[in-house]
Amino acid sequence: MHEFLSPRTIALAIVIIALTTGALLLVSSRQNGDSRSLVTWGIANILGGIGTAMVSLRGFVPDLITVVIGNALIILSYSLNAKGTMDFCRRKIAWALVAAPAVLWLALSFWPAFISSVEWRLIVNSGFIAAASFAAAAALWTLKGEHLVTRKPAAFWLTVHGCVFTIRMIPPLISTVPASNEINASPLVTLIMVESLVHVTLISFLQLSLIKDRAEERYRRAAETDVLTGQPNRRAFMDRADRLVRESDHWPACMLVIDVDRFKSINDSVGHAGGDAVLVKVAETIRAHLRPTDTFGRIGGEEFAALLPNTTLQSAAVIAEGLRARIAGLAIHAAGETVHVSISIGISAIAGGRADLDHLIDRADACLYEAKRTGRNRVVAREDGMRLAG
């Protein structure tokens, strides 16, 4: 059992796993859009595996190979790992900063006082590894705008790993470190090496999971995005609106159904490409006019819808009238012509009772029909089945 948990045995396991996962990450990069991160992570694992192999040969080969070059490769592997994570999080970091810790280690190794001090080597080595781990964790903790299931577990583990190597710096700071053979026999060293073995295995799995999560997020967004306007499509709008309607915390709420007036005539005048340009501009204008908390989407053809939470009918009518005037003032350049368009808007409200999205849309549609019937380019709002306001 002691031989199974000996530092050399654990180091061998780290080398095998690091090289294997490094190769796996490189192979995965050939089939993935986040190839830069995967390549960087893969190279980091391979360099870390080679460095660990060199360090484990201490006593059999010169210290230049084990202490100097081996540790430099391990430090560089952690810097590259942080670089790959920052690439994944779309954060830039200069290559000079990535290489700096390993270069500094090599420079310090030419200083006799440093290379002869086990304490200072442990402190500097552990400090570089902890800093790289914390930097990668910080990049993941602060990543916003994507629903990645693995993001928080990966950030948490990198934080834990950084803490382990921060703690590793404490003994050399408060006491003299034993000789190399005594260090290798220490239960603390064995524990740290086991943690490193777990780390190289777990972080590689988490990195692949992060890539998978992002791919799934892209597919989900593509399935929920209208190809022409870049806004949520009918499916996405209905899903989000249904959740809001069912939560009374967002009441009163109002539904706006918006239709571009005489869109067929626009298509006949400037062609389908021109008509598409009109729809894109109208969609952009509507989204810019609405509040960030409002749910908006294209629900079909030239028709759009918006759900305004925590909004009374009177407030929604003011918002809609402002939008109508804003669209009417647009001069849209399409197919070499300047096109002026107008919209009609129907509004329905929910303030209590049993919430039903389909019923809310039907009432807004009825108001939209009324706006079309009475001349277009207007807003009609309905609080219930009996009362109209326009």
Protein backbone atom coordinates (compact mmCIF):
# COMPACT_ATOMS: atom_id res chain seq x y z
CA MET A 1 0.00 0.00 0.00
CA HIS A 2 2.87 2.34 0.84
CA GLU A 3 4.47 1.66 -2.55
CA PHE A 4 1.13 2.30 -4.26
CA LEU A 5 0.93 5.74 -2.62
CA SER A 6 4.61 6.57 -3.01
CA PRO A 7 5.33 9.97 -4.62
CA ARG A 8 7.00 8.32 -7.63
CA THR A 9 3.96 6.10 -8.26
CA ILE A 10 1.59 9.06 -8.00
CA ALA A 11 3.88 11.12 -10.22
CA LEU A 12 3.79 8.35 -12.83
CA ALA A 13 -0.01 8.37 -12.71
CA ILE A 14 -0.02 12.17 -13.12
CA VAL A 15 2.28 11.89 -16.14
CA ILE A 16 0.11 9.24 -17.82
CA ILE A 17 -3.15 11.10 -17.20
CA ALA A 18 -1.70 14.49 -18.19
CA LEU A 19 -0.34 13.15 -21.48
CA THR A 20 -3.54 11.21 -22.23
CA THR A 21 -5.90 14.10 -21.45
CA GLY A 22 -3.62 16.49 -23.33
CA ALA A 23 -3.87 14.33 -26.44
CA LEU A 24 -7.65 14.05 -25.97
CA LEU A 25 -8.02 17.83 -25.75
CA LEU A 26 -5.94 18.30 -28.90
CA VAL A 27 -7.99 15.74 -30.81
CA SER A 28 -11.22 17.41 -29.62
CA SER A 29 -9.98 20.78 -30.88
CA ARG A 30 -10.21 19.57 -34.48
CA GLN A 31 -13.98 19.21 -34.23
CA ASN A 32 -14.92 22.22 -32.16
CA GLY A 33 -15.38 25.96 -32.58
CA ASP A 34 -13.49 26.67 -29.35
CA SER A 35 -10.37 25.03 -30.80
CA ARG A 36 -8.00 27.71 -29.50
CA SER A 37 -8.87 26.98 -25.87
CA LEU A 38 -8.71 23.23 -26.41
CA VAL A 39 -5.31 23.46 -28.14
CA THR A 40 -3.93 25.62 -25.33
CA TRP A 41 -5.32 23.30 -22.64
CA GLY A 42 -4.02 20.25 -24.48
CA ILE A 43 -0.50 21.66 -24.83
CA ALA A 44 -0.61 22.71 -21.16
CA ASN A 45 -1.40 19.16 -20.05
CA ILE A 46 1.33 17.65 -22.22
CA LEU A 47 3.96 20.13 -20.96
CA GLY A 48 2.79 19.51 -17.40
CA GLY A 49 3.12 15.77 -17.90
CA ILE A 50 6.63 16.10 -19.32
CA GLY A 51 7.64 18.46 -16.51
CA THR A 52 6.29 16.10 -13.85
CA ALA A 53 8.21 13.21 -15.44
CA MET A 54 11.41 15.26 -15.27
CA VAL A 55 10.89 16.27 -11.65
CA SER A 56 10.18 12.67 -10.62
CA LEU A 57 13.58 11.61 -11.99
CA ARG A 58 15.45 13.68 -9.43
CA GLY A 59 18.39 11.68 -8.10
CA PHE A 60 18.82 9.88 -11.40
CA VAL A 61 19.46 12.83 -13.73
CA PRO A 62 21.08 16.26 -13.18
CA ASP A 63 19.22 18.96 -11.25
CA LEU A 64 19.27 21.12 -14.37
CA ILE A 65 16.75 18.70 -15.89
CA THR A 66 14.67 18.01 -12.79
CA VAL A 67 14.69 21.13 -10.64
CA VAL A 68 15.18 23.81 -13.29
CA ILE A 69 13.62 22.66 -16.57
CA GLY A 70 11.05 20.27 -15.06
CA ASN A 71 9.59 22.88 -12.72
CA ALA A 72 9.72 25.54 -15.47
CA LEU A 73 7.56 23.29 -17.69
CA ILE A 74 5.08 22.66 -14.86
CA ILE A 75 4.82 26.40 -14.17
CA LEU A 76 4.38 27.11 -17.90
CA SER A 77 1.67 24.45 -18.09
CA TYR A 78 -0.35 26.24 -15.41
CA SER A 79 0.10 29.58 -17.16
CA LEU A 80 -1.09 28.03 -20.44
CA ASN A 81 -4.03 26.47 -18.65
CA ALA A 82 -5.03 29.91 -17.37
CA LYS A 83 -4.48 31.34 -20.87
CA GLY A 84 -6.82 28.71 -22.35
CA THR A 85 -9.48 29.51 -19.76
CA MET A 86 -9.21 33.23 -20.48
CA ASP A 87 -9.50 32.52 -24.20
CA PHE A 88 -12.63 30.51 -23.45
CA CYS A 89 -14.00 33.45 -21.44
CA ARG A 90 -13.05 35.85 -24.29
CA ARG A 91 -10.57 37.71 -22.13
CA LYS A 92 -7.25 38.76 -23.61
CA ILE A 93 -3.91 38.11 -21.94
CA ALA A 94 -0.51 38.89 -23.46
CA TRP A 95 1.76 35.98 -24.29
CA ALA A 96 4.56 37.79 -22.49
CA LEU A 97 2.55 37.59 -19.27
CA VAL A 98 1.88 33.89 -19.87
CA ALA A 99 5.57 33.12 -20.30
CA ALA A 100 6.79 35.44 -17.52
CA PRO A 101 6.49 33.00 -14.53
CA ALA A 102 8.46 30.23 -16.29
CA VAL A 103 11.06 32.70 -17.53
CA LEU A 104 11.40 34.16 -14.03
CA TRP A 105 11.85 30.65 -12.61
CA LEU A 106 14.64 29.96 -15.09
CA ALA A 107 16.28 33.30 -14.26
CA LEU A 108 16.11 32.63 -10.50
CA SER A 109 17.64 29.20 -11.06
CA PHE A 110 20.92 30.85 -12.05
CA TRP A 111 21.05 32.46 -8.60
CA PRO A 112 22.93 30.02 -6.31
CA ALA A 113 21.13 31.19 -3.15
CA PHE A 114 17.78 30.42 -4.74
CA ILE A 115 18.60 27.08 -6.34
CA SER A 116 20.14 25.81 -3.10
CA SER A 117 17.12 26.79 -0.99
CA VAL A 118 14.36 24.19 -0.96
CA GLU A 119 12.16 26.64 0.96
CA TRP A 120 12.34 29.39 -1.64
CA ARG A 121 11.85 26.96 -4.52
CA LEU A 122 8.68 25.63 -2.89
CA ILE A 123 7.36 29.13 -2.15
CA VAL A 124 7.98 30.48 -5.66
CA ASN A 125 6.73 27.34 -7.41
CA SER A 126 3.59 27.16 -5.28
CA GLY A 127 2.98 30.90 -5.67
CA PHE A 128 3.07 30.74 -9.47
CA ILE A 129 0.73 27.72 -9.56
CA ALA A 130 -1.71 29.30 -7.08
CA ALA A 131 -1.75 32.58 -9.01
CA ALA A 132 -2.48 30.83 -12.32
CA SER A 133 -5.26 28.78 -10.73
CA PHE A 134 -6.86 31.85 -9.14
CA ALA A 135 -6.62 33.78 -12.43
CA ALA A 136 -8.42 30.99 -14.31
CA ALA A 137 -11.04 30.73 -11.57
CA ALA A 138 -11.64 34.49 -11.62
CA ALA A 139 -12.18 34.43 -15.40
CA LEU A 140 -14.85 31.76 -15.02
CA TRP A 141 -16.52 33.38 -12.00
CA THR A 142 -16.91 36.64 -13.91
CA LEU A 143 -18.07 35.11 -17.21
CA LYS A 144 -21.55 36.44 -17.96
CA GLY A 145 -24.19 36.06 -20.63
CA GLU A 146 -23.99 32.29 -21.09
CA HIS A 147 -25.79 29.47 -19.32
CA LEU A 148 -22.92 27.03 -18.81
CA VAL A 149 -23.71 24.31 -16.27
CA THR A 150 -20.04 23.48 -15.69
CA ARG A 151 -18.85 27.07 -15.21
CA LYS A 152 -19.33 27.31 -11.44
CA PRO A 153 -18.02 23.80 -10.62
CA ALA A 154 -14.89 24.51 -12.72
CA ALA A 155 -14.37 27.90 -11.06
CA PHE A 156 -14.91 26.35 -7.62
CA TRP A 157 -12.39 23.56 -8.23
CA LEU A 158 -9.76 25.95 -9.58
CA THR A 159 -10.25 28.08 -6.46
CA VAL A 160 -9.79 25.01 -4.25
CA HIS A 161 -6.67 24.02 -6.19
CA GLY A 162 -5.25 27.51 -5.81
CA CYS A 163 -5.93 27.38 -2.07
CA VAL A 164 -4.09 24.05 -1.78
CA PHE A 165 -0.95 25.53 -3.29
CA THR A 166 -1.33 28.68 -1.21
CA ILE A 167 -1.36 26.51 1.91
CA ARG A 168 1.67 24.66 0.50
CA MET A 169 3.60 27.94 0.81
CA ILE A 170 3.09 28.17 4.57
CA PRO A 171 5.48 25.46 5.91
CA PRO A 172 8.56 26.83 4.08
CA LEU A 173 7.76 30.28 5.43
CA ILE A 174 7.65 29.23 9.08
CA SER A 175 10.22 26.44 9.31
CA THR A 176 13.10 24.71 7.58
CA VAL A 177 12.09 22.17 4.96
CA PRO A 178 13.57 18.65 5.43
CA ALA A 179 15.88 17.03 2.92
CA SER A 180 14.43 15.69 -0.31
CA ASN A 181 14.20 12.06 0.84
CA GLU A 182 12.40 13.15 4.02
CA ILE A 183 10.03 15.38 2.07
CA ASN A 184 9.04 12.50 -0.18
CA ALA A 185 8.18 10.42 2.87
CA SER A 186 5.93 13.16 4.28
CA PRO A 187 2.17 12.41 4.37
CA LEU A 188 1.53 16.07 3.45
CA VAL A 189 3.52 15.71 0.22
CA THR A 190 1.62 12.52 -0.61
CA LEU A 191 -1.68 14.30 0.04
CA ILE A 192 -0.72 17.24 -2.20
CA MET A 193 0.36 14.91 -4.99
CA VAL A 194 -2.92 12.97 -4.74
CA GLU A 195 -4.73 16.32 -5.01
CA SER A 196 -2.65 17.14 -8.11
CA LEU A 197 -3.60 13.77 -9.60
CA VAL A 198 -7.27 14.52 -8.96
CA HIS A 199 -6.79 18.01 -10.38
CA VAL A 200 -5.32 17.02 -13.74
CA THR A 201 -8.10 14.43 -14.17
CA LEU A 202 -10.97 16.61 -13.00
CA ILE A 203 -9.96 19.86 -14.69
CA SER A 204 -9.60 18.12 -18.06
CA PHE A 205 -13.09 16.66 -17.66
CA LEU A 206 -14.47 20.07 -16.65
CA GLN A 207 -12.78 21.77 -19.61
CA LEU A 208 -14.35 19.33 -22.05
CA SER A 209 -17.69 19.83 -20.29
CA LEU A 210 -17.36 23.61 -20.64
CA ILE A 211 -16.86 23.20 -24.38
CA LYS A 212 -19.89 20.89 -24.55
CA ASP A 213 -21.99 23.36 -22.53
CA ARG A 214 -21.10 26.20 -24.88
CA ALA A 215 -21.95 24.12 -27.96
CA GLU A 216 -25.33 23.25 -26.45
CA GLU A 217 -25.90 26.91 -25.58
CA ARG A 218 -25.18 27.88 -29.19
CA TYR A 219 -27.60 25.28 -30.50
CA ARG A 220 -30.26 26.43 -28.04
CA ARG A 221 -29.83 30.07 -29.01
CA ALA A 222 -29.90 29.19 -32.70
CA ALA A 223 -33.14 27.28 -32.18
CA GLU A 224 -34.65 30.27 -30.36
CA THR A 225 -33.42 33.06 -32.62
CA ASP A 226 -35.15 34.45 -35.69
CA VAL A 227 -32.65 34.10 -38.53
CA LEU A 228 -33.61 37.34 -40.27
CA THR A 229 -33.88 39.84 -37.42
CA GLY A 230 -31.63 38.20 -34.80
CA GLN A 231 -34.43 38.61 -32.26
CA PRO A 232 -36.13 35.76 -30.31
CA ASN A 233 -38.43 33.71 -32.55
CA ARG A 234 -42.00 32.69 -31.76
CA ARG A 235 -40.98 29.63 -29.77
CA ALA A 236 -38.56 31.56 -27.57
CA PHE A 237 -40.98 34.43 -27.06
CA MET A 238 -43.86 32.13 -26.10
CA ASP A 239 -41.68 30.19 -23.63
CA ARG A 240 -40.40 33.31 -21.89
CA ALA A 241 -43.74 35.09 -21.93
CA ASP A 242 -45.53 32.04 -20.54
CA ARG A 243 -43.17 31.92 -17.57
CA LEU A 244 -43.71 35.60 -16.85
CA VAL A 245 -47.49 35.42 -17.19
CA ARG A 246 -47.67 32.57 -14.70
CA GLU A 247 -45.73 34.52 -12.07
CA SER A 248 -48.00 37.01 -10.34
CA ASP A 249 -44.93 38.94 -9.15
CA HIS A 250 -44.84 40.45 -12.65
CA TRP A 251 -48.48 41.62 -12.65
CA PRO A 252 -49.92 43.90 -13.86
CA ALA A 253 -48.52 42.95 -17.25
CA CYS A 254 -49.42 43.95 -20.80
CA MET A 255 -49.15 42.20 -24.13
CA LEU A 256 -48.36 44.19 -27.28
CA VAL A 257 -48.98 42.63 -30.68
CA ILE A 258 -47.35 44.76 -33.40
CA ASP A 259 -47.92 44.50 -37.14
CA VAL A 260 -46.24 46.36 -40.01
CA ASP A 261 -48.95 48.05 -42.03
CA ARG A 262 -49.39 47.12 -45.70
CA PHE A 263 -46.26 44.96 -45.72
CA LYS A 264 -47.30 43.16 -48.91
CA SER A 265 -47.25 46.49 -50.73
CA ILE A 266 -43.75 47.14 -49.39
CA ASN A 267 -42.58 43.76 -50.71
CA ASP A 268 -44.17 44.51 -54.09
CA SER A 269 -42.46 47.91 -54.17
CA VAL A 270 -38.89 47.07 -53.08
CA GLY A 271 -38.81 43.30 -53.43
CA HIS A 272 -38.31 40.63 -50.78
CA ALA A 273 -34.75 41.73 -49.99
CA GLY A 274 -36.02 45.26 -49.39
CA GLY A 275 -38.89 43.90 -47.32
CA ASP A 276 -36.39 41.95 -45.21
CA ALA A 277 -34.39 45.14 -44.63
CA VAL A 278 -37.57 46.86 -43.43
CA LEU A 279 -38.34 44.04 -40.98
CA VAL A 280 -34.77 44.09 -39.61
CA LYS A 281 -34.91 47.85 -39.03
CA VAL A 282 -38.37 47.69 -37.47
CA ALA A 283 -37.28 44.87 -35.15
CA GLU A 284 -34.16 46.79 -34.08
CA THR A 285 -36.23 49.91 -33.41
CA ILE A 286 -38.81 48.04 -31.34
CA ARG A 287 -36.12 46.34 -29.24
CA ALA A 288 -34.33 49.65 -28.68
CA HIS A 289 -37.60 51.32 -27.61
CA LEU A 290 -38.60 48.65 -25.11
CA ARG A 291 -37.09 48.26 -21.66
CA PRO A 292 -34.47 45.57 -20.89
CA THR A 293 -37.01 43.76 -18.70
CA ASP A 294 -39.56 43.50 -21.54
CA THR A 295 -39.82 40.22 -23.47
CA PHE A 296 -39.84 40.70 -27.23
CA GLY A 297 -39.87 38.50 -30.32
CA ARG A 298 -40.93 38.02 -33.92
CA ILE A 299 -43.95 35.75 -33.90
CA GLY A 300 -44.49 35.47 -37.63
CA GLY A 301 -44.18 37.28 -40.97
CA GLU A 302 -44.37 41.01 -40.28
CA GLU A 303 -45.82 40.51 -36.80
CA PHE A 304 -44.00 41.06 -33.50
CA ALA A 305 -45.04 40.76 -29.88
CA ALA A 306 -43.82 42.14 -26.58
CA LEU A 307 -44.78 41.33 -23.00
CA LEU A 308 -44.30 44.22 -20.58
CA PRO A 309 -44.13 43.04 -16.94
CA ASN A 310 -45.11 45.30 -14.04
CA THR A 311 -46.85 47.67 -16.45
CA THR A 312 -50.37 49.06 -16.28
CA LEU A 313 -52.54 49.38 -19.36
CA GLN A 314 -52.18 53.17 -19.33
CA SER A 315 -48.34 52.94 -19.15
CA ALA A 316 -48.29 50.33 -21.92
CA ALA A 317 -50.42 52.59 -24.11
CA VAL A 318 -47.92 55.44 -23.62
CA ILE A 319 -45.01 53.13 -24.49
CA ALA A 320 -46.85 51.81 -27.55
CA GLU A 321 -47.77 55.28 -28.78
CA GLY A 322 -44.14 56.35 -28.48
CA LEU A 323 -43.10 53.29 -30.46
CA ARG A 324 -45.72 53.95 -33.14
CA ALA A 325 -44.46 57.52 -33.55
CA ARG A 326 -40.84 56.36 -33.62
CA ILE A 327 -41.49 53.83 -36.38
CA ALA A 328 -43.51 56.37 -38.36
CA GLY A 329 -40.52 58.71 -38.31
CA LEU A 330 -38.10 56.17 -39.76
CA ALA A 331 -36.61 56.58 -43.21
CA ILE A 332 -35.48 53.06 -44.13
CA HIS A 333 -33.11 52.62 -47.07
CA ALA A 334 -34.00 49.41 -48.89
CA ALA A 335 -33.20 48.28 -52.44
CA GLY A 336 -31.98 51.76 -53.36
CA GLU A 337 -35.16 53.44 -52.17
CA THR A 338 -36.25 55.24 -49.03
CA VAL A 339 -39.19 53.50 -47.42
CA HIS A 340 -41.51 54.95 -44.80
CA VAL A 341 -43.55 52.47 -42.78
CA SER A 342 -46.13 52.50 -40.04
CA ILE A 343 -47.28 49.96 -37.49
CA SER A 344 -50.52 49.09 -35.76
CA ILE A 345 -50.45 47.89 -32.16
CA GLY A 346 -52.98 45.98 -30.10
CA ILE A 347 -52.64 45.86 -26.32
CA SER A 348 -54.21 43.61 -23.70
CA ALA A 349 -53.59 43.60 -19.96
CA ILE A 350 -53.58 41.14 -17.09
CA ALA A 351 -53.95 42.42 -13.57
CA GLY A 352 -55.37 39.44 -11.70
CA GLY A 353 -57.46 36.31 -11.96
CA ARG A 354 -56.33 33.26 -13.89
CA ALA A 355 -53.39 34.05 -16.18
CA ASP A 356 -53.48 32.57 -19.68
CA LEU A 357 -50.97 33.56 -22.34
CA ASP A 358 -53.07 32.43 -25.29
CA HIS A 359 -56.05 34.44 -24.05
CA LEU A 360 -53.82 37.47 -23.50
CA ILE A 361 -52.52 37.24 -27.09
CA ASP A 362 -56.04 36.69 -28.48
CA ARG A 363 -57.25 39.88 -26.78
CA ALA A 364 -54.26 41.82 -28.09
CA ASP A 365 -54.92 40.38 -31.57
CA ALA A 366 -58.51 41.60 -31.34
CA CYS A 367 -57.25 45.08 -30.52
CA LEU A 368 -54.77 44.88 -33.41
CA TYR A 369 -57.63 43.96 -35.76
CA GLU A 370 -59.54 46.96 -34.45
CA ALA A 371 -56.53 49.23 -35.13
CA LYS A 372 -56.27 47.86 -38.68
CA ARG A 373 -60.00 48.19 -39.29
CA THR A 374 -60.12 51.80 -38.13
CA GLY A 375 -57.32 53.10 -40.33
CA ARG A 376 -53.97 51.55 -39.26
CA ASN A 377 -50.99 53.44 -37.80
CA ARG A 378 -52.62 53.52 -34.40
CA VAL A 379 -52.74 51.92 -30.95
CA VAL A 380 -55.77 50.18 -29.48
CA ALA A 381 -55.74 48.88 -25.91
CA ARG A 382 -58.19 46.57 -24.18
CA GLU A 383 -58.40 46.03 -20.44
CA ASP A 384 -61.14 43.41 -20.71
CA GLY A 385 -63.67 42.16 -23.18
CA MET A 386 -65.94 45.15 -22.78
CA ARG A 387 -63.72 48.19 -22.82
CA LEU A 388 -61.60 49.70 -25.56
CA ALA A 389 -59.22 52.64 -25.39
CA GLY A 390 -57.43 54.11 -28.37
